[in-house]
């Protein structure tokens, strides 16, 4: 089979900047290349992760140029498959155009879902996209719960393939500190914002200090904006055992996870789907305490961490569990082992699912 028949058109965000969807798209692209495919990349990534209107407007020209290239690709019969990482918000206004054109040209369509935005609140634009994609489109969900919601909310969805984000997290053993024998450090990793729960994290750290427990805290990540940074640094000035260590990438990220014993992920983001941060922590044997949102409850078992009901007080529940783990090191050590074991299990299953997805994409490009 000639390689030019393996061409697959990939539309969506690719690094930089690095975030969950862009990382997944880049991993799928790289796996397709290893298998002999020649992905045609139409990168719609914005210059930054800022969500203001100025940033959105600046992206329009990139989308227009990408759409022109896409039409040329379809007209040249230079891509039998469209793989599209579906946006969660306003980006779907662009997505519907790509999907509609692909359908007009009779292409195989694969839609990778990364958000609960249009599941928690059904969207007319999402309905149009699914209608445009047609009943033969392949939908890729992150977990069984997302799959069921897709079917329940959007009746035109027929075929669903499940690939957890655990598949894209490296599972190499190099430099990993697995089992934790005692709880000494809690950590926060990610975009430092109100939505990601930095206030709750600082509240937990404050309560821990009041109890006199020998637990320190580390915060890693970028501040969402100057307002958040000012407020957080003001709080840090009043907490003696909390340290901000800045953004961490590559080997520095591994060093951070090796330095903490528990990750707190008190996300308030209503459309949270399947955060890579949780998988990365568990890979290092770091148990996670988090609120239940999106696919999170399917990642963390009761033996491998703590998933707190959305209606419950996160700070109270987290402090109670942390103090209990401090008092019972053997119990905490077991949870650490189970966290690592759970990640390894999910990675093994979904790495295979991802491989199978790539095979189906290539097969579609050969039809």
Protein backbone atom coordinates (compact mmCIF):
# COMPACT_ATOMS: atom_id res chain seq x y z
CA UNK A 1 0.00 0.00 0.00
CA UNK A 2 1.41 3.40 -0.96
CA UNK A 3 2.11 5.80 1.91
CA UNK A 4 0.16 8.56 0.21
CA UNK A 5 -3.01 6.54 0.84
CA UNK A 6 -2.25 6.72 4.58
CA UNK A 7 -2.89 10.46 4.76
CA UNK A 8 -5.08 11.50 7.66
CA UNK A 9 -6.16 15.10 8.21
CA UNK A 10 -5.81 16.09 11.87
CA UNK A 11 -7.56 19.29 12.94
CA UNK A 12 -7.22 20.80 16.40
CA UNK A 13 -4.73 22.18 18.90
CA UNK A 14 -1.12 21.01 19.08
CA UNK A 15 1.67 22.18 21.42
CA UNK A 16 2.60 24.85 22.19
CA UNK A 17 0.94 25.76 24.45
CA UNK A 18 0.80 22.42 26.25
CA UNK A 19 -2.52 21.35 27.74
CA UNK A 20 -4.53 18.15 27.84
CA UNK A 21 -6.09 18.26 24.38
CA UNK A 22 -2.98 19.48 22.58
CA UNK A 23 -0.87 16.78 24.22
CA UNK A 24 -3.33 14.03 23.27
CA UNK A 25 -3.44 15.27 19.67
CA UNK A 26 0.36 15.28 19.48
CA UNK A 27 0.61 11.74 20.87
CA UNK A 28 -1.96 10.45 18.33
CA UNK A 29 -0.04 12.23 15.55
CA UNK A 30 3.28 10.70 16.61
CA UNK A 31 1.83 7.19 16.86
CA UNK A 32 0.34 7.50 13.37
CA UNK A 33 3.71 8.57 11.97
CA UNK A 34 5.40 5.56 13.60
CA UNK A 35 2.83 3.34 11.90
CA UNK A 36 3.69 4.79 8.48
CA UNK A 37 0.93 7.38 8.15
CA UNK A 38 1.49 10.94 6.96
CA UNK A 39 -0.83 13.13 9.06
CA UNK A 40 -1.78 16.45 7.51
CA UNK A 41 -1.78 18.79 10.51
CA UNK A 42 -4.07 21.81 10.69
CA UNK A 43 -3.03 23.41 13.95
CA UNK A 44 -5.60 25.76 15.49
CA UNK A 45 -3.69 26.40 18.74
CA UNK A 46 -3.91 29.91 20.18
CA UNK A 47 -0.70 31.67 21.20
CA UNK A 48 -1.50 31.32 24.90
CA UNK A 49 -3.97 29.74 27.31
CA UNK A 50 -5.63 33.10 28.05
CA UNK A 51 -9.38 33.01 27.50
CA UNK A 52 -10.16 36.71 27.04
CA UNK A 53 -11.88 38.06 23.96
CA UNK A 54 -8.66 39.58 22.59
CA UNK A 55 -7.04 36.15 22.55
CA UNK A 56 -10.09 34.62 20.88
CA UNK A 57 -10.11 37.29 18.17
CA UNK A 58 -6.40 36.81 17.52
CA UNK A 59 -7.07 33.16 16.79
CA UNK A 60 -9.59 33.84 14.02
CA UNK A 61 -7.00 34.44 11.29
CA UNK A 62 -5.30 31.16 12.17
CA UNK A 63 -8.60 29.33 11.91
CA UNK A 64 -9.42 30.98 8.55
CA UNK A 65 -6.05 29.96 7.11
CA UNK A 66 -6.49 26.47 8.50
CA UNK A 67 -9.95 26.17 6.97
CA UNK A 68 -8.67 27.27 3.54
CA UNK A 69 -5.91 24.65 3.74
CA UNK A 70 -8.48 22.06 4.79
CA UNK A 71 -10.73 22.78 1.81
CA UNK A 72 -7.73 22.52 -0.53
CA UNK A 73 -6.78 19.20 1.08
CA UNK A 74 -10.27 17.81 0.67
CA UNK A 75 -10.57 19.07 -2.91
CA UNK A 76 -7.24 17.41 -3.80
CA UNK A 77 -8.53 14.13 -2.39
CA UNK A 78 -5.53 14.29 -0.06
CA UNK A 79 -7.00 12.90 3.10
CA UNK A 80 -9.62 10.18 3.43
CA UNK A 81 -10.02 10.69 7.19
CA UNK A 82 -10.76 13.67 9.41
CA UNK A 83 -9.60 13.33 13.01
CA UNK A 84 -10.81 16.31 15.02
CA UNK A 85 -10.27 17.09 18.70
CA UNK A 86 -13.65 18.63 19.49
CA UNK A 87 -13.59 21.97 21.30
CA UNK A 88 -15.56 22.43 24.49
CA UNK A 89 -16.81 25.98 23.95
CA UNK A 90 -16.87 28.64 21.24
CA UNK A 91 -14.32 26.69 19.20
CA UNK A 92 -17.17 24.42 18.10
CA UNK A 93 -18.31 27.23 15.81
CA UNK A 94 -15.14 26.46 13.83
CA UNK A 95 -15.41 22.70 14.30
CA UNK A 96 -18.81 22.50 12.63
CA UNK A 97 -17.33 23.97 9.43
CA UNK A 98 -14.53 21.38 9.24
CA UNK A 99 -16.92 18.51 9.97
CA UNK A 100 -19.48 19.75 7.45
CA UNK A 101 -16.90 20.00 4.65
CA UNK A 102 -15.47 16.58 5.47
CA UNK A 103 -18.96 15.08 5.27
CA UNK A 104 -19.63 16.77 1.92
CA UNK A 105 -16.48 15.15 0.55
CA UNK A 106 -17.51 11.77 1.94
CA UNK A 107 -14.63 11.45 4.41
CA UNK A 108 -14.42 9.14 7.41
CA UNK A 109 -14.91 11.29 10.53
CA UNK A 110 -13.42 10.70 13.99
CA UNK A 111 -14.42 13.12 16.76
CA UNK A 112 -12.34 13.05 19.96
CA UNK A 113 -14.26 14.43 22.95
CA UNK A 114 -12.33 16.22 25.72
CA UNK A 115 -14.93 18.26 27.60
CA UNK A 116 -18.12 17.88 29.62
CA UNK A 117 -19.29 21.39 28.67
CA UNK A 118 -21.78 20.17 26.06
CA UNK A 119 -22.70 17.13 28.17
CA UNK A 120 -23.53 18.99 31.37
CA UNK A 121 -25.45 21.54 29.28
CA UNK A 122 -26.63 20.25 25.86
CA UNK A 123 -25.52 22.49 23.01
CA UNK A 124 -27.25 23.28 19.73
CA UNK A 125 -23.87 23.68 18.00
CA UNK A 126 -22.77 20.25 19.25
CA UNK A 127 -25.99 18.79 17.87
CA UNK A 128 -25.20 20.37 14.50
CA UNK A 129 -21.68 18.92 14.56
CA UNK A 130 -22.94 15.43 15.37
CA UNK A 131 -25.64 15.71 12.72
CA UNK A 132 -23.08 16.92 10.17
CA UNK A 133 -20.71 14.09 11.06
CA UNK A 134 -23.39 11.52 10.35
CA UNK A 135 -24.36 8.21 11.89
CA UNK A 136 -21.16 6.50 10.70
CA UNK A 137 -18.84 8.87 12.54
CA UNK A 138 -16.58 7.44 15.22
CA UNK A 139 -16.74 9.21 18.58
CA UNK A 140 -13.85 8.87 21.02
CA UNK A 141 -14.72 9.25 24.71
CA UNK A 142 -12.43 9.41 27.74
CA UNK A 143 -14.32 7.00 29.98
CA UNK A 144 -17.45 4.87 30.17
CA UNK A 145 -19.35 7.63 31.98
CA UNK A 146 -18.63 10.10 29.19
CA UNK A 147 -19.65 7.49 26.64
CA UNK A 148 -23.01 6.96 28.30
CA UNK A 149 -23.67 10.69 28.58
CA UNK A 150 -22.87 11.16 24.89
CA UNK A 151 -25.41 8.50 23.97
CA UNK A 152 -28.04 9.86 26.35
CA UNK A 153 -27.70 13.53 25.40
CA UNK A 154 -27.06 13.16 21.67
CA UNK A 155 -29.17 10.39 20.17
CA UNK A 156 -27.37 10.53 16.79
CA UNK A 157 -24.16 9.21 18.37
CA UNK A 158 -23.80 5.55 17.44
CA UNK A 159 -20.24 4.24 17.56
CA UNK A 160 -18.03 5.17 20.52
CA UNK A 161 -14.43 4.16 21.20
CA UNK A 162 -13.05 4.74 24.72
CA UNK A 163 -9.46 5.90 25.21
CA UNK A 164 -8.47 7.26 28.62
CA UNK A 165 -5.86 10.01 28.86
CA UNK A 166 -3.83 7.53 30.91
CA UNK A 167 -2.68 6.18 27.55
CA UNK A 168 -0.69 9.32 26.73
CA UNK A 169 1.16 9.55 30.05
CA UNK A 170 4.66 8.08 29.93
CA UNK A 171 4.98 4.99 32.15
CA UNK A 172 8.77 4.68 32.18
CA UNK A 173 10.23 3.63 35.53
CA UNK A 174 13.24 5.96 35.36
CA UNK A 175 13.64 8.28 38.38
CA UNK A 176 10.26 7.37 39.86
CA UNK A 177 9.78 7.41 43.59
CA UNK A 178 6.94 4.98 44.10
CA UNK A 179 5.84 4.02 47.58
CA UNK A 180 5.48 6.72 50.23
CA UNK A 181 6.07 5.51 53.80
CA UNK A 182 4.70 8.62 55.47
CA UNK A 183 2.86 11.81 54.61
CA UNK A 184 5.04 14.92 54.86
CA UNK A 185 4.22 17.13 51.84
CA UNK A 186 1.00 17.95 50.00
CA UNK A 187 1.08 19.48 46.55
CA UNK A 188 -0.89 21.53 44.01
CA UNK A 189 0.06 21.29 40.34
CA UNK A 190 -1.50 23.03 37.36
CA UNK A 191 -3.01 26.30 36.26
CA UNK A 192 -3.21 28.43 39.42
CA UNK A 193 -6.74 29.78 39.29
CA UNK A 194 -9.96 29.96 41.26
CA UNK A 195 -11.51 27.35 38.94
CA UNK A 196 -8.75 24.83 39.60
CA UNK A 197 -9.20 25.19 43.36
CA UNK A 198 -6.19 27.15 44.60
CA UNK A 199 -8.33 28.77 47.32
CA UNK A 200 -9.40 25.37 48.65
CA UNK A 201 -5.79 24.16 48.58
CA UNK A 202 -4.63 27.15 50.63
CA UNK A 203 -7.54 26.67 53.03
CA UNK A 204 -6.50 23.05 53.57
CA UNK A 205 -2.89 24.11 54.17
CA UNK A 206 -4.08 26.72 56.66
CA UNK A 207 -6.21 24.21 58.58
CA UNK A 208 -3.31 21.74 58.66
CA UNK A 209 -1.09 24.42 60.21
CA UNK A 210 -3.75 25.13 62.84
CA UNK A 211 -3.77 21.44 63.79
CA UNK A 212 -0.02 21.56 64.25
CA UNK A 213 0.54 18.64 61.89
CA UNK A 214 4.03 18.25 60.46
CA UNK A 215 2.87 18.65 56.84
CA UNK A 216 4.29 21.22 54.46
CA UNK A 217 2.87 22.23 51.07
CA UNK A 218 4.17 23.02 47.59
CA UNK A 219 2.42 24.84 44.73
CA UNK A 220 3.64 24.46 41.14
CA UNK A 221 2.19 26.06 38.03
CA UNK A 222 1.49 29.31 36.23
CA UNK A 223 -0.82 31.98 37.61
CA UNK A 224 -3.90 32.52 35.49
CA UNK A 225 -3.56 36.30 35.75
CA UNK A 226 -2.09 39.07 37.90
CA UNK A 227 -5.18 39.29 40.10
CA UNK A 228 -4.91 35.63 41.08
CA UNK A 229 -1.15 35.97 41.65
CA UNK A 230 -1.59 38.97 43.94
CA UNK A 231 -4.23 37.23 46.05
CA UNK A 232 -2.32 33.96 46.28
CA UNK A 233 0.98 35.59 47.23
CA UNK A 234 -0.84 37.56 49.91
CA UNK A 235 -2.19 34.32 51.36
CA UNK A 236 1.25 32.69 51.13
CA UNK A 237 2.73 35.48 53.25
CA UNK A 238 0.52 34.27 56.12
CA UNK A 239 1.28 30.55 55.73
CA UNK A 240 4.65 29.48 57.05
CA UNK A 241 4.70 25.96 55.57
CA UNK A 242 3.54 26.63 52.00
CA UNK A 243 6.00 27.29 49.16
CA UNK A 244 5.37 28.42 45.58
CA UNK A 245 7.97 26.75 43.33
CA UNK A 246 6.92 28.10 39.92
CA UNK A 247 5.99 26.26 36.70
CA UNK A 248 7.50 22.80 36.24
CA UNK A 249 8.15 21.00 32.96
CA UNK A 250 10.01 17.88 31.85
CA UNK A 251 12.44 16.54 34.44
CA UNK A 252 11.47 19.33 36.86
CA UNK A 253 7.93 17.98 36.85
CA UNK A 254 9.22 14.54 37.88
CA UNK A 255 11.26 16.19 40.65
CA UNK A 256 8.12 17.92 41.90
CA UNK A 257 6.04 14.74 42.01
CA UNK A 258 8.89 12.91 43.75
CA UNK A 259 8.96 15.67 46.37
CA UNK A 260 5.28 15.48 47.35
CA UNK A 261 3.30 12.70 49.00
CA UNK A 262 -0.32 13.69 48.20
CA UNK A 263 -1.75 15.79 45.37
CA UNK A 264 -4.80 17.91 46.12
CA UNK A 265 -6.95 18.60 43.06
CA UNK A 266 -9.95 20.62 44.32
CA UNK A 267 -11.16 21.62 40.85
CA UNK A 268 -14.24 23.79 40.68
CA UNK A 269 -14.25 23.69 36.89
CA UNK A 270 -17.71 22.35 36.08
CA UNK A 271 -16.64 20.97 32.69
CA UNK A 272 -13.58 19.10 33.99
CA UNK A 273 -13.11 15.88 32.03
CA UNK A 274 -10.02 13.76 32.71
CA UNK A 275 -7.06 15.79 34.02
CA UNK A 276 -3.62 14.53 33.04
CA UNK A 277 -2.32 15.85 36.38
CA UNK A 278 -4.14 13.09 38.24
CA UNK A 279 -2.65 10.36 36.07
CA UNK A 280 0.82 11.89 36.38
CA UNK A 281 0.59 11.98 40.17
CA UNK A 282 -0.64 8.40 40.44
CA UNK A 283 2.12 7.27 38.09
CA UNK A 284 4.54 8.50 40.77
CA UNK A 285 2.68 6.69 43.54
CA UNK A 286 1.12 9.95 44.74
CA UNK A 287 -2.46 9.50 45.98
CA UNK A 288 -4.91 12.22 44.93
CA UNK A 289 -7.66 13.92 46.93
CA UNK A 290 -10.11 15.53 44.55
CA UNK A 291 -13.67 16.56 43.93
CA UNK A 292 -15.78 14.27 41.75
CA UNK A 293 -16.12 15.73 38.27
CA UNK A 294 -16.14 14.33 34.74
CA UNK A 295 -14.24 11.04 34.49
CA UNK A 296 -12.35 11.49 37.76
CA UNK A 297 -14.34 8.91 39.73
CA UNK A 298 -13.49 6.30 37.09
CA UNK A 299 -9.77 6.96 37.57
CA UNK A 300 -9.43 6.90 41.35
CA UNK A 301 -10.68 3.90 43.29
CA UNK A 302 -11.38 4.11 47.03
CA UNK A 303 -8.15 2.16 47.63
CA UNK A 304 -6.00 4.53 45.55
CA UNK A 305 -7.11 7.98 46.74
CA UNK A 306 -10.12 10.04 47.76
CA UNK A 307 -12.92 11.37 45.54
CA UNK A 308 -15.10 13.84 47.41
CA UNK A 309 -18.74 14.36 46.46
CA UNK A 310 -19.37 17.77 44.88
CA UNK A 311 -21.94 18.60 47.55
CA UNK A 312 -19.49 17.97 50.41
CA UNK A 313 -17.03 20.40 51.99
CA UNK A 314 -13.70 19.73 50.27
CA UNK A 315 -11.54 21.41 52.91
CA UNK A 316 -13.12 19.55 55.82
CA UNK A 317 -12.99 16.16 54.08
CA UNK A 318 -9.41 16.64 52.85
CA UNK A 319 -8.08 17.76 56.23
CA UNK A 320 -9.78 14.83 57.96
CA UNK A 321 -8.23 12.32 55.54
CA UNK A 322 -4.76 13.91 55.65
CA UNK A 323 -4.67 13.84 59.45
CA UNK A 324 -5.84 10.22 59.42
CA UNK A 325 -3.03 9.27 57.03
CA UNK A 326 -0.47 11.06 59.21
CA UNK A 327 -1.66 9.00 62.18
CA UNK A 328 -1.56 5.73 60.20
CA UNK A 329 1.61 5.61 58.04
CA UNK A 330 1.11 1.95 57.10
CA UNK A 331 -2.38 2.73 55.77
CA UNK A 332 -1.06 5.69 53.80
CA UNK A 333 1.77 3.60 52.36
CA UNK A 334 -0.79 1.09 51.10
CA UNK A 335 -2.78 3.85 49.38
CA UNK A 336 0.41 5.04 47.69
CA UNK A 337 1.07 1.56 46.33
CA UNK A 338 -2.52 1.27 45.11
CA UNK A 339 -2.31 4.65 43.35
CA UNK A 340 0.70 3.49 41.34
CA UNK A 341 -0.95 0.12 40.65
CA UNK A 342 -4.18 1.76 39.48
CA UNK A 343 -2.35 4.05 37.04
CA UNK A 344 -0.36 1.13 35.62
CA UNK A 345 -3.59 -0.80 35.05
CA UNK A 346 -5.31 2.10 33.26
CA UNK A 347 -2.21 2.84 31.20
CA UNK A 348 -1.90 -0.78 30.05
CA UNK A 349 -5.56 -1.05 29.01
CA UNK A 350 -5.84 2.29 27.26
CA UNK A 351 -2.43 2.26 25.61
CA UNK A 352 -3.75 -0.79 23.76
CA UNK A 353 -7.01 1.06 23.02
CA UNK A 354 -5.02 3.98 21.60
CA UNK A 355 -3.04 1.64 19.38
CA UNK A 356 -6.30 0.15 18.11
CA UNK A 357 -7.68 3.62 17.44
CA UNK A 358 -4.64 4.48 15.32
CA UNK A 359 -5.11 1.25 13.38
CA UNK A 360 -8.72 2.23 12.66
CA UNK A 361 -7.66 5.70 11.52
CA UNK A 362 -5.14 4.20 9.10
CA UNK A 363 -7.64 1.63 7.90
CA UNK A 364 -10.10 4.45 7.19
CA UNK A 365 -7.45 6.26 5.15
CA UNK A 366 -7.03 3.17 2.96
CA UNK A 367 -10.71 2.83 2.01
